[in-house]
N, C-alpha and C. Protein backbone atom coordinates (compact mmCIF):
# COMPACT_ATOMS: atom_id res chain seq x y z
N UNK A 1 0.85 -1.17 0.00
CA UNK A 1 0.00 0.00 0.00
C UNK A 1 0.90 1.24 0.00
N UNK A 2 0.59 2.19 -0.83
CA UNK A 2 1.39 3.41 -0.95
C UNK A 2 0.82 4.51 -0.07
N UNK A 3 1.57 5.60 0.03
CA UNK A 3 1.08 6.75 0.79
C UNK A 3 -0.22 7.27 0.18
N UNK A 4 -0.31 7.19 -1.16
CA UNK A 4 -1.53 7.63 -1.84
C UNK A 4 -2.73 6.80 -1.38
N UNK A 5 -2.52 5.48 -1.31
CA UNK A 5 -3.59 4.58 -0.87
C UNK A 5 -3.99 4.87 0.58
N UNK A 6 -2.98 5.11 1.42
CA UNK A 6 -3.27 5.35 2.84
C UNK A 6 -4.03 6.66 3.03
N UNK A 7 -3.62 7.70 2.31
CA UNK A 7 -4.34 8.99 2.41
C UNK A 7 -5.79 8.82 1.98
N UNK A 8 -5.98 8.14 0.84
CA UNK A 8 -7.34 7.95 0.33
C UNK A 8 -8.18 7.11 1.30
N UNK A 9 -7.59 6.04 1.81
CA UNK A 9 -8.32 5.17 2.73
C UNK A 9 -8.70 5.91 4.02
N UNK A 10 -7.75 6.65 4.58
CA UNK A 10 -8.03 7.38 5.82
C UNK A 10 -9.06 8.48 5.59
N UNK A 11 -8.97 9.14 4.45
CA UNK A 11 -9.94 10.20 4.12
C UNK A 11 -11.34 9.62 4.02
N UNK A 12 -11.45 8.50 3.34
CA UNK A 12 -12.77 7.87 3.18
C UNK A 12 -13.29 7.33 4.51
N UNK A 13 -12.40 6.79 5.31
CA UNK A 13 -12.80 6.28 6.62
C UNK A 13 -13.37 7.40 7.48
N UNK A 14 -12.78 8.57 7.38
CA UNK A 14 -13.26 9.74 8.12
C UNK A 14 -14.52 10.34 7.50
N UNK A 15 -14.88 9.86 6.30
CA UNK A 15 -16.06 10.38 5.63
C UNK A 15 -15.84 11.76 5.04
N UNK A 16 -14.60 12.04 4.68
CA UNK A 16 -14.27 13.37 4.14
C UNK A 16 -14.16 13.32 2.62
N UNK A 17 -14.54 14.43 1.99
CA UNK A 17 -14.31 14.56 0.55
C UNK A 17 -12.90 15.10 0.36
N UNK A 18 -12.44 15.06 -0.88
CA UNK A 18 -11.12 15.63 -1.17
C UNK A 18 -11.09 17.12 -0.84
N UNK A 19 -12.18 17.78 -1.10
CA UNK A 19 -12.25 19.21 -0.82
C UNK A 19 -12.20 19.50 0.67
N UNK A 20 -12.90 18.68 1.47
CA UNK A 20 -12.87 18.87 2.92
C UNK A 20 -11.47 18.65 3.47
N UNK A 21 -10.80 17.61 2.98
CA UNK A 21 -9.42 17.36 3.41
C UNK A 21 -8.52 18.51 2.98
N UNK A 22 -8.69 18.98 1.76
CA UNK A 22 -7.88 20.09 1.26
C UNK A 22 -8.05 21.32 2.14
N UNK A 23 -9.28 21.63 2.52
CA UNK A 23 -9.54 22.78 3.39
C UNK A 23 -8.87 22.60 4.75
N UNK A 24 -8.97 21.39 5.29
CA UNK A 24 -8.40 21.12 6.61
C UNK A 24 -6.87 21.21 6.59
N UNK A 25 -6.27 20.78 5.50
CA UNK A 25 -4.80 20.77 5.39
C UNK A 25 -4.28 22.12 4.92
N UNK A 26 -5.10 22.87 4.19
CA UNK A 26 -4.67 24.17 3.69
C UNK A 26 -4.07 24.11 2.30
N UNK A 27 -4.61 23.21 1.47
CA UNK A 27 -4.15 23.08 0.09
C UNK A 27 -5.38 23.06 -0.82
N UNK A 28 -5.15 22.95 -2.12
CA UNK A 28 -6.27 22.89 -3.06
C UNK A 28 -6.77 21.44 -3.18
N UNK A 29 -7.99 21.29 -3.69
CA UNK A 29 -8.53 19.96 -3.91
C UNK A 29 -7.68 19.21 -4.94
N UNK A 30 -7.14 19.94 -5.88
CA UNK A 30 -6.31 19.31 -6.91
C UNK A 30 -5.03 18.72 -6.29
N UNK A 31 -4.50 19.36 -5.26
CA UNK A 31 -3.31 18.82 -4.58
C UNK A 31 -3.64 17.48 -3.94
N UNK A 32 -4.78 17.39 -3.27
CA UNK A 32 -5.20 16.13 -2.66
C UNK A 32 -5.40 15.08 -3.74
N UNK A 33 -6.01 15.47 -4.82
CA UNK A 33 -6.22 14.55 -5.93
C UNK A 33 -4.89 14.01 -6.47
N UNK A 34 -3.90 14.89 -6.58
CA UNK A 34 -2.59 14.46 -7.05
C UNK A 34 -1.90 13.52 -6.06
N UNK A 35 -2.09 13.80 -4.76
CA UNK A 35 -1.52 12.89 -3.74
C UNK A 35 -2.11 11.50 -3.88
N UNK A 36 -3.44 11.46 -4.05
CA UNK A 36 -4.14 10.18 -4.09
C UNK A 36 -3.92 9.43 -5.41
N UNK A 37 -3.53 10.13 -6.45
CA UNK A 37 -3.28 9.47 -7.73
C UNK A 37 -1.77 9.28 -7.99
N UNK A 38 -0.98 9.49 -6.97
CA UNK A 38 0.48 9.30 -7.01
C UNK A 38 1.18 10.21 -8.01
N UNK A 39 0.59 11.35 -8.31
CA UNK A 39 1.23 12.32 -9.20
C UNK A 39 2.13 13.27 -8.43
N UNK A 40 1.90 13.34 -7.10
CA UNK A 40 2.71 14.22 -6.25
C UNK A 40 2.71 13.65 -4.83
N UNK A 41 3.65 14.14 -4.03
CA UNK A 41 3.73 13.75 -2.62
C UNK A 41 3.50 14.98 -1.75
N UNK A 42 2.83 14.82 -0.63
CA UNK A 42 2.62 15.97 0.25
C UNK A 42 3.92 16.36 0.96
N UNK A 43 4.04 17.64 1.29
CA UNK A 43 5.17 18.12 2.08
C UNK A 43 5.07 17.51 3.48
N UNK A 44 6.20 17.47 4.17
CA UNK A 44 6.21 16.90 5.52
C UNK A 44 5.27 17.66 6.45
N UNK A 45 5.21 18.95 6.29
CA UNK A 45 4.29 19.76 7.11
C UNK A 45 2.85 19.28 6.92
N UNK A 46 2.49 18.99 5.69
CA UNK A 46 1.12 18.54 5.38
C UNK A 46 0.89 17.12 5.91
N UNK A 47 1.93 16.30 5.91
CA UNK A 47 1.82 14.94 6.45
C UNK A 47 1.53 15.01 7.95
N UNK A 48 2.22 15.92 8.65
CA UNK A 48 1.99 16.09 10.09
C UNK A 48 0.56 16.54 10.34
N UNK A 49 0.08 17.50 9.56
CA UNK A 49 -1.30 17.98 9.71
C UNK A 49 -2.29 16.84 9.46
N UNK A 50 -2.05 16.05 8.41
CA UNK A 50 -2.96 14.93 8.11
C UNK A 50 -2.92 13.88 9.21
N UNK A 51 -1.75 13.65 9.81
CA UNK A 51 -1.68 12.66 10.89
C UNK A 51 -2.57 13.09 12.05
N UNK A 52 -2.62 14.40 12.32
CA UNK A 52 -3.51 14.90 13.37
C UNK A 52 -4.98 14.78 12.97
N UNK A 53 -5.27 15.09 11.73
CA UNK A 53 -6.66 15.00 11.24
C UNK A 53 -7.15 13.56 11.30
N UNK A 54 -6.30 12.63 10.87
CA UNK A 54 -6.70 11.22 10.79
C UNK A 54 -6.43 10.47 12.09
N UNK A 55 -5.86 11.17 13.08
CA UNK A 55 -5.56 10.56 14.38
C UNK A 55 -4.70 9.31 14.21
N UNK A 56 -3.60 9.47 13.48
CA UNK A 56 -2.67 8.37 13.26
C UNK A 56 -1.25 8.93 13.35
N UNK A 57 -0.28 8.11 13.10
CA UNK A 57 1.11 8.55 13.18
C UNK A 57 1.62 8.94 11.79
N UNK A 58 2.65 9.75 11.78
CA UNK A 58 3.29 10.08 10.51
C UNK A 58 3.98 8.84 9.93
N UNK A 59 4.46 7.96 10.81
CA UNK A 59 5.05 6.70 10.33
C UNK A 59 4.05 5.90 9.52
N UNK A 60 2.81 5.88 9.97
CA UNK A 60 1.79 5.12 9.22
C UNK A 60 1.54 5.78 7.87
N UNK A 61 1.40 7.10 7.86
CA UNK A 61 1.14 7.78 6.59
C UNK A 61 2.30 7.60 5.62
N UNK A 62 3.53 7.77 6.10
CA UNK A 62 4.69 7.74 5.20
C UNK A 62 5.13 6.33 4.84
N UNK A 63 5.17 5.44 5.84
CA UNK A 63 5.76 4.12 5.61
C UNK A 63 4.78 2.96 5.78
N UNK A 64 3.60 3.23 6.27
CA UNK A 64 2.63 2.15 6.45
C UNK A 64 2.86 1.36 7.73
N UNK A 65 3.68 1.89 8.65
CA UNK A 65 3.95 1.19 9.91
C UNK A 65 2.81 1.46 10.87
N UNK A 66 2.12 0.40 11.23
CA UNK A 66 0.98 0.52 12.14
C UNK A 66 1.47 1.00 13.50
N UNK A 67 0.73 1.91 14.13
CA UNK A 67 1.13 2.35 15.46
C UNK A 67 1.03 1.20 16.46
N UNK A 68 2.05 1.09 17.31
CA UNK A 68 2.05 0.05 18.34
C UNK A 68 1.06 0.42 19.42
N UNK A 69 0.31 -0.57 19.84
CA UNK A 69 -0.65 -0.33 20.91
C UNK A 69 0.07 -0.43 22.23
N UNK A 70 -0.06 0.61 23.02
CA UNK A 70 0.57 0.61 24.34
C UNK A 70 -0.51 0.69 25.40
N UNK A 71 -0.35 -0.14 26.39
CA UNK A 71 -1.28 -0.13 27.52
C UNK A 71 -0.58 0.30 28.79
N UNK A 72 0.59 0.94 28.64
CA UNK A 72 1.34 1.32 29.82
C UNK A 72 0.71 2.48 30.58
N UNK A 73 -0.27 3.13 30.01
CA UNK A 73 -0.94 4.23 30.69
C UNK A 73 -2.21 3.79 31.41
N UNK A 74 -2.50 2.51 31.37
CA UNK A 74 -3.69 2.00 32.04
C UNK A 74 -3.41 1.94 33.54
N UNK A 75 -4.29 2.53 34.31
CA UNK A 75 -4.11 2.55 35.75
C UNK A 75 -5.05 1.55 36.41
N UNK A 76 -4.82 1.33 37.68
CA UNK A 76 -5.69 0.43 38.44
C UNK A 76 -7.11 0.99 38.44
N UNK A 77 -7.23 2.31 38.51
CA UNK A 77 -8.54 2.94 38.47
C UNK A 77 -9.28 2.65 37.17
N UNK A 78 -8.54 2.66 36.04
CA UNK A 78 -9.16 2.33 34.76
C UNK A 78 -9.69 0.90 34.75
N UNK A 79 -8.90 -0.02 35.28
CA UNK A 79 -9.31 -1.42 35.32
C UNK A 79 -10.52 -1.58 36.23
N UNK A 80 -10.50 -0.93 37.39
CA UNK A 80 -11.65 -1.01 38.30
C UNK A 80 -12.90 -0.45 37.64
N UNK A 81 -12.75 0.68 36.96
CA UNK A 81 -13.91 1.28 36.29
C UNK A 81 -14.52 0.34 35.25
N UNK A 82 -13.67 -0.36 34.50
CA UNK A 82 -14.16 -1.20 33.41
C UNK A 82 -14.65 -2.56 33.89
N UNK A 83 -13.96 -3.15 34.88
CA UNK A 83 -14.25 -4.53 35.27
C UNK A 83 -15.08 -4.65 36.54
N UNK A 84 -14.80 -3.82 37.53
CA UNK A 84 -15.42 -3.99 38.84
C UNK A 84 -16.59 -3.05 39.04
N UNK A 85 -16.41 -1.78 38.71
CA UNK A 85 -17.43 -0.79 39.00
C UNK A 85 -18.44 -0.66 37.87
N UNK A 86 -18.98 -1.80 37.48
CA UNK A 86 -20.01 -1.78 36.45
C UNK A 86 -21.35 -1.48 37.11
N UNK A 87 -22.34 -1.17 36.33
CA UNK A 87 -23.66 -0.86 36.87
C UNK A 87 -24.24 -2.07 37.60
N UNK A 88 -24.04 -3.25 37.01
CA UNK A 88 -24.55 -4.48 37.63
C UNK A 88 -23.89 -4.72 38.98
N UNK A 89 -22.56 -4.58 39.02
CA UNK A 89 -21.85 -4.77 40.29
C UNK A 89 -22.24 -3.69 41.30
N UNK A 90 -22.47 -2.48 40.82
CA UNK A 90 -22.91 -1.40 41.71
C UNK A 90 -24.23 -1.74 42.38
N UNK A 91 -25.15 -2.32 41.63
CA UNK A 91 -26.44 -2.72 42.20
C UNK A 91 -26.26 -3.84 43.23
N UNK A 92 -25.35 -4.77 42.94
CA UNK A 92 -25.08 -5.85 43.89
C UNK A 92 -24.49 -5.30 45.18
N UNK A 93 -23.57 -4.35 45.06
CA UNK A 93 -22.94 -3.76 46.24
C UNK A 93 -23.96 -3.00 47.07
N UNK A 94 -24.84 -2.26 46.41
CA UNK A 94 -25.90 -1.53 47.13
C UNK A 94 -26.80 -2.50 47.88
N UNK A 95 -27.14 -3.59 47.25
CA UNK A 95 -28.01 -4.59 47.88
C UNK A 95 -27.31 -5.21 49.09
N UNK A 96 -26.04 -5.57 48.92
CA UNK A 96 -25.28 -6.17 50.02
C UNK A 96 -25.13 -5.17 51.17
N UNK A 97 -24.90 -3.90 50.86
CA UNK A 97 -24.76 -2.88 51.90
C UNK A 97 -26.08 -2.69 52.64
N UNK A 98 -27.18 -2.75 51.92
CA UNK A 98 -28.49 -2.61 52.55
C UNK A 98 -28.72 -3.73 53.57
N UNK A 99 -28.43 -4.98 53.16
CA UNK A 99 -28.61 -6.10 54.08
C UNK A 99 -27.64 -6.03 55.25
N UNK A 100 -26.42 -5.56 55.01
CA UNK A 100 -25.46 -5.41 56.11
C UNK A 100 -25.97 -4.39 57.12
N UNK A 101 -26.58 -3.31 56.63
CA UNK A 101 -27.14 -2.32 57.54
C UNK A 101 -28.33 -2.88 58.32
N UNK A 102 -29.15 -3.71 57.68
CA UNK A 102 -30.26 -4.34 58.38
C UNK A 102 -29.75 -5.22 59.51
N UNK A 103 -28.74 -6.02 59.21
CA UNK A 103 -28.18 -6.93 60.21
C UNK A 103 -27.54 -6.13 61.35
N UNK A 104 -26.79 -5.08 61.00
CA UNK A 104 -26.18 -4.23 62.01
C UNK A 104 -27.25 -3.60 62.89
N UNK A 105 -28.33 -3.12 62.26
CA UNK A 105 -29.43 -2.53 63.02
C UNK A 105 -30.08 -3.54 63.95
N UNK A 106 -30.24 -4.78 63.48
CA UNK A 106 -30.83 -5.82 64.32
C UNK A 106 -29.95 -6.11 65.53
N UNK A 107 -28.64 -6.25 65.32
CA UNK A 107 -27.72 -6.49 66.44
C UNK A 107 -27.70 -5.31 67.40
N UNK A 108 -27.74 -4.10 66.89
CA UNK A 108 -27.77 -2.92 67.73
C UNK A 108 -29.05 -2.89 68.56
N UNK A 109 -30.16 -3.22 67.93
CA UNK A 109 -31.42 -3.27 68.66
C UNK A 109 -31.40 -4.32 69.76
N UNK A 110 -30.84 -5.50 69.46
CA UNK A 110 -30.73 -6.56 70.47
C UNK A 110 -29.85 -6.10 71.62
N UNK A 111 -28.72 -5.43 71.31
CA UNK A 111 -27.83 -4.93 72.36
C UNK A 111 -28.53 -3.90 73.24
N UNK A 112 -29.31 -3.02 72.66
CA UNK A 112 -30.03 -2.00 73.44
C UNK A 112 -31.05 -2.66 74.35
N UNK A 113 -31.78 -3.62 73.80
CA UNK A 113 -32.78 -4.33 74.62
C UNK A 113 -32.09 -5.07 75.75
N UNK A 114 -30.95 -5.74 75.46
CA UNK A 114 -30.22 -6.46 76.51
C UNK A 114 -29.72 -5.49 77.57
N UNK A 115 -29.26 -4.30 77.18
CA UNK A 115 -28.79 -3.32 78.15
C UNK A 115 -29.94 -2.84 79.03
N UNK A 116 -31.10 -2.59 78.42
CA UNK A 116 -32.26 -2.15 79.20
C UNK A 116 -32.66 -3.22 80.20
N UNK A 117 -32.69 -4.48 79.81
CA UNK A 117 -33.03 -5.58 80.72
C UNK A 117 -32.00 -5.65 81.85
N UNK A 118 -30.72 -5.48 81.52
CA UNK A 118 -29.67 -5.52 82.54
C UNK A 118 -29.87 -4.39 83.55
N UNK A 119 -30.17 -3.18 83.04
CA UNK A 119 -30.37 -2.03 83.93
C UNK A 119 -31.58 -2.25 84.82
N UNK A 120 -32.66 -2.82 84.29
CA UNK A 120 -33.86 -3.09 85.09
C UNK A 120 -33.56 -4.12 86.16
N UNK A 121 -32.81 -5.16 85.78
CA UNK A 121 -32.54 -6.24 86.73
C UNK A 121 -31.49 -5.86 87.76
N UNK A 122 -30.46 -5.12 87.41
CA UNK A 122 -29.33 -4.87 88.31
C UNK A 122 -29.14 -3.41 88.68
N UNK A 123 -29.89 -2.56 88.14
CA UNK A 123 -29.69 -1.13 88.40
C UNK A 123 -28.65 -0.57 87.42
N UNK A 124 -28.62 0.73 87.32
CA UNK A 124 -27.70 1.37 86.39
C UNK A 124 -26.29 1.29 86.96
N UNK A 125 -25.34 0.79 86.17
CA UNK A 125 -23.97 0.66 86.69
C UNK A 125 -23.32 2.05 86.86
N UNK A 126 -22.78 2.27 88.04
CA UNK A 126 -22.17 3.58 88.32
C UNK A 126 -20.69 3.46 88.52
């Protein structure tokens, strides 16, 4: 695949016409047409602009080298957001917390009743 093919493919993928790409890059439509028909090559400045427009690397545009995928910026928070903190898990956690509060409330109520019975039977501890 040539640079001409890559420019044309990326332009079509973005849903852009030659004229729209030309306006974005700052050249004429005929210049884009010449790039895509291998009659001319874009200047390096224009390649950099197109890499930003197409959200790709200049290496891909010039040489066809696919950008390497890096996951070194993934944080623990990203993983938690995607895997653990899903809506379904959030509902499960809310349900579990609700039952934990019910159980805690029941034990607290039992403790209060036991304390009242103790105070009635033995007097208030001083």
